[in-house]
Amino acid sequence: MTTPAKPRSDIPTPDADTDAYWAAAREGRLLVARCADCGRVHHYPRPFCPHCWSGAVSPEQVSGRATLYTHSTVFVNDLAPFAERLPYVAAVVELAEGPRLMTNVVDCAPEDLRIGMPLQAVPTPLTDELTATVFRPADPEGDPA
């Protein structure tokens, strides 16, 4: 009898409620959820609306445009795999469509980050099957890079 492989603790584990989100991320798209009852959007993927508790939610693609809401540069983290990524920027971004989400900001020196700066979503493969969405500074010309 073989023992099932232990899931990695450093990457998310997709499930039925998040499969559409992860599939879109693999394609370079960012999804949020919209509630059919109250009309509000939210993120992270879940089977109910956190505003009105309705179960009438469905995925909706968003632009990937965001602004930097807050951030912290992490210089010390002994946990695998984060030690290899130091320093990194942990951030909360506010999507153009409204919801805020936790993420990382890449392709920018931490000292160049400014609250309110425009960002753009960029897919980042974690494994062959799983892609995360992180953010980088938006192209000053407004073109998605």
Protein backbone atom coordinates (compact mmCIF):
# COMPACT_ATOMS: atom_id res chain seq x y z
CA MET A 1 0.00 0.00 0.00
CA THR A 2 1.36 3.43 -0.92
CA THR A 3 0.84 6.51 1.16
CA PRO A 4 -0.54 9.53 -0.72
CA ALA A 5 2.02 12.26 -1.26
CA LYS A 6 1.86 15.02 1.30
CA PRO A 7 0.76 18.30 -0.32
CA ARG A 8 3.42 20.98 -0.47
CA SER A 9 2.83 23.59 2.19
CA ASP A 10 4.41 26.39 0.16
CA ILE A 11 1.82 26.44 -2.63
CA PRO A 12 -1.98 26.64 -2.64
CA THR A 13 -4.10 23.54 -3.02
CA PRO A 14 -6.84 24.04 -5.64
CA ASP A 15 -10.26 22.61 -4.88
CA ALA A 16 -13.71 22.62 -6.48
CA ASP A 17 -14.34 26.20 -5.29
CA THR A 18 -11.07 27.55 -6.72
CA ASP A 19 -10.44 25.42 -9.85
CA ALA A 20 -11.81 28.08 -12.24
CA TYR A 21 -9.53 30.71 -10.67
CA TRP A 22 -6.41 28.55 -11.04
CA ALA A 23 -7.31 27.49 -14.59
CA ALA A 24 -7.68 31.16 -15.59
CA ALA A 25 -4.37 32.03 -13.90
CA ARG A 26 -2.64 29.35 -16.01
CA GLU A 27 -4.02 31.20 -19.07
CA GLY A 28 -2.80 34.57 -17.78
CA ARG A 29 -6.26 35.78 -16.76
CA LEU A 30 -7.37 37.06 -13.35
CA LEU A 31 -10.80 36.16 -12.02
CA VAL A 32 -12.84 37.58 -9.16
CA ALA A 33 -16.33 36.49 -8.12
CA ARG A 34 -19.49 38.52 -8.73
CA CYS A 35 -22.64 38.03 -6.72
CA ALA A 36 -25.81 37.85 -8.82
CA ASP A 37 -27.92 38.97 -5.85
CA CYS A 38 -26.11 42.09 -4.58
CA GLY A 39 -23.92 42.73 -7.63
CA ARG A 40 -20.70 43.15 -5.65
CA VAL A 41 -17.39 41.57 -6.57
CA HIS A 42 -15.00 39.89 -4.17
CA HIS A 43 -11.76 38.02 -4.06
CA TYR A 44 -10.65 35.25 -2.98
CA PRO A 45 -12.69 32.52 -4.69
CA ARG A 46 -15.37 31.04 -2.44
CA PRO A 47 -18.85 29.59 -2.98
CA PHE A 48 -20.71 32.45 -1.24
CA CYS A 49 -20.78 36.23 -1.24
CA PRO A 50 -19.05 37.70 1.84
CA HIS A 51 -21.29 40.78 1.57
CA CYS A 52 -24.79 39.26 1.49
CA TRP A 53 -24.02 35.53 2.00
CA SER A 54 -25.73 34.55 -1.24
CA GLY A 55 -24.58 31.40 -3.00
CA ALA A 56 -25.28 32.99 -6.40
CA VAL A 57 -21.67 33.82 -7.23
CA SER A 58 -19.85 33.27 -10.49
CA PRO A 59 -16.35 34.00 -11.78
CA GLU A 60 -15.73 37.16 -13.75
CA GLN A 61 -12.55 38.15 -15.58
CA VAL A 62 -11.05 41.49 -14.56
CA SER A 63 -8.52 43.78 -16.20
CA GLY A 64 -5.56 43.00 -13.95
CA ARG A 65 -5.04 46.72 -13.36
CA ALA A 66 -4.51 47.65 -9.73
CA THR A 67 -3.01 50.21 -7.39
CA LEU A 68 -0.67 49.49 -4.53
CA TYR A 69 -2.66 49.76 -1.30
CA THR A 70 0.07 48.74 1.18
CA HIS A 71 3.27 46.71 1.20
CA SER A 72 6.09 45.36 3.29
CA THR A 73 9.50 44.20 2.19
CA VAL A 74 10.35 40.88 3.81
CA PHE A 75 14.06 40.54 4.56
CA VAL A 76 13.96 37.61 7.01
CA ASN A 77 11.94 34.41 6.59
CA ASP A 78 13.55 31.08 7.47
CA LEU A 79 10.63 28.99 6.20
CA ALA A 80 11.06 27.08 2.96
CA PRO A 81 10.73 28.13 0.17
CA PHE A 82 10.65 31.79 1.22
CA ALA A 83 14.28 31.93 2.35
CA GLU A 84 15.37 31.54 -1.28
CA ARG A 85 13.16 34.45 -2.37
CA LEU A 86 14.51 37.09 0.01
CA PRO A 87 13.99 39.95 -0.12
CA TYR A 88 10.46 39.96 -1.50
CA VAL A 89 7.56 42.37 -1.38
CA ALA A 90 4.34 41.23 0.27
CA ALA A 91 1.54 43.57 -0.73
CA VAL A 92 -2.16 44.30 -0.78
CA VAL A 93 -3.34 45.71 -4.09
CA GLU A 94 -6.70 47.23 -4.95
CA LEU A 95 -8.03 46.01 -8.27
CA ALA A 96 -9.55 48.57 -10.65
CA GLU A 97 -12.80 46.63 -10.22
CA GLY A 98 -12.76 47.11 -6.43
CA PRO A 99 -11.60 44.11 -4.43
CA ARG A 100 -8.29 44.08 -2.63
CA LEU A 101 -6.04 41.05 -2.66
CA MET A 102 -2.80 39.91 -1.09
CA THR A 103 0.02 39.27 -3.51
CA ASN A 104 3.65 39.97 -4.28
CA VAL A 105 5.07 42.88 -6.27
CA VAL A 106 7.90 41.96 -8.63
CA ASP A 107 10.16 43.71 -11.13
CA CYS A 108 10.55 46.76 -8.89
CA ALA A 109 13.11 47.68 -6.26
CA PRO A 110 11.36 47.88 -2.87
CA GLU A 111 12.56 51.45 -2.36
CA ASP A 112 10.81 52.49 -5.60
CA LEU A 113 7.37 51.33 -4.45
CA ARG A 114 4.81 54.05 -3.69
CA ILE A 115 1.34 53.70 -2.24
CA GLY A 116 -1.15 54.33 -5.04
CA MET A 117 1.27 53.41 -7.83
CA PRO A 118 -0.37 51.66 -10.80
CA LEU A 119 0.31 47.95 -11.12
CA GLN A 120 -0.52 45.22 -13.62
CA ALA A 121 -1.17 41.54 -12.97
CA VAL A 122 1.36 39.08 -14.34
CA PRO A 123 1.13 35.26 -14.22
CA THR A 124 3.98 33.49 -12.44
CA PRO A 125 4.26 29.69 -12.70
CA LEU A 126 4.71 27.93 -9.35
CA THR A 127 4.68 24.39 -10.75
CA ASP A 128 3.82 22.85 -14.12
CA GLU A 129 0.16 22.84 -13.08
CA LEU A 130 -0.17 25.91 -10.86
CA THR A 131 0.30 29.58 -11.75
CA ALA A 132 0.04 32.47 -9.30
CA THR A 133 -0.92 36.01 -10.14
CA VAL A 134 1.54 38.63 -8.90
CA PHE A 135 1.83 42.30 -9.81
CA ARG A 136 4.47 44.54 -11.31
CA PRO A 137 4.56 48.27 -12.03
CA ALA A 138 2.28 49.16 -14.92
CA ASP A 139 3.80 50.29 -18.19
CA PRO A 140 3.88 54.11 -18.08
CA GLU A 141 2.36 54.18 -21.57
CA GLY A 142 -0.63 52.24 -20.22
CA ASP A 143 0.05 49.21 -22.40
CA PRO A 144 -0.20 45.84 -20.67
CA ALA A 145 3.21 44.28 -20.83
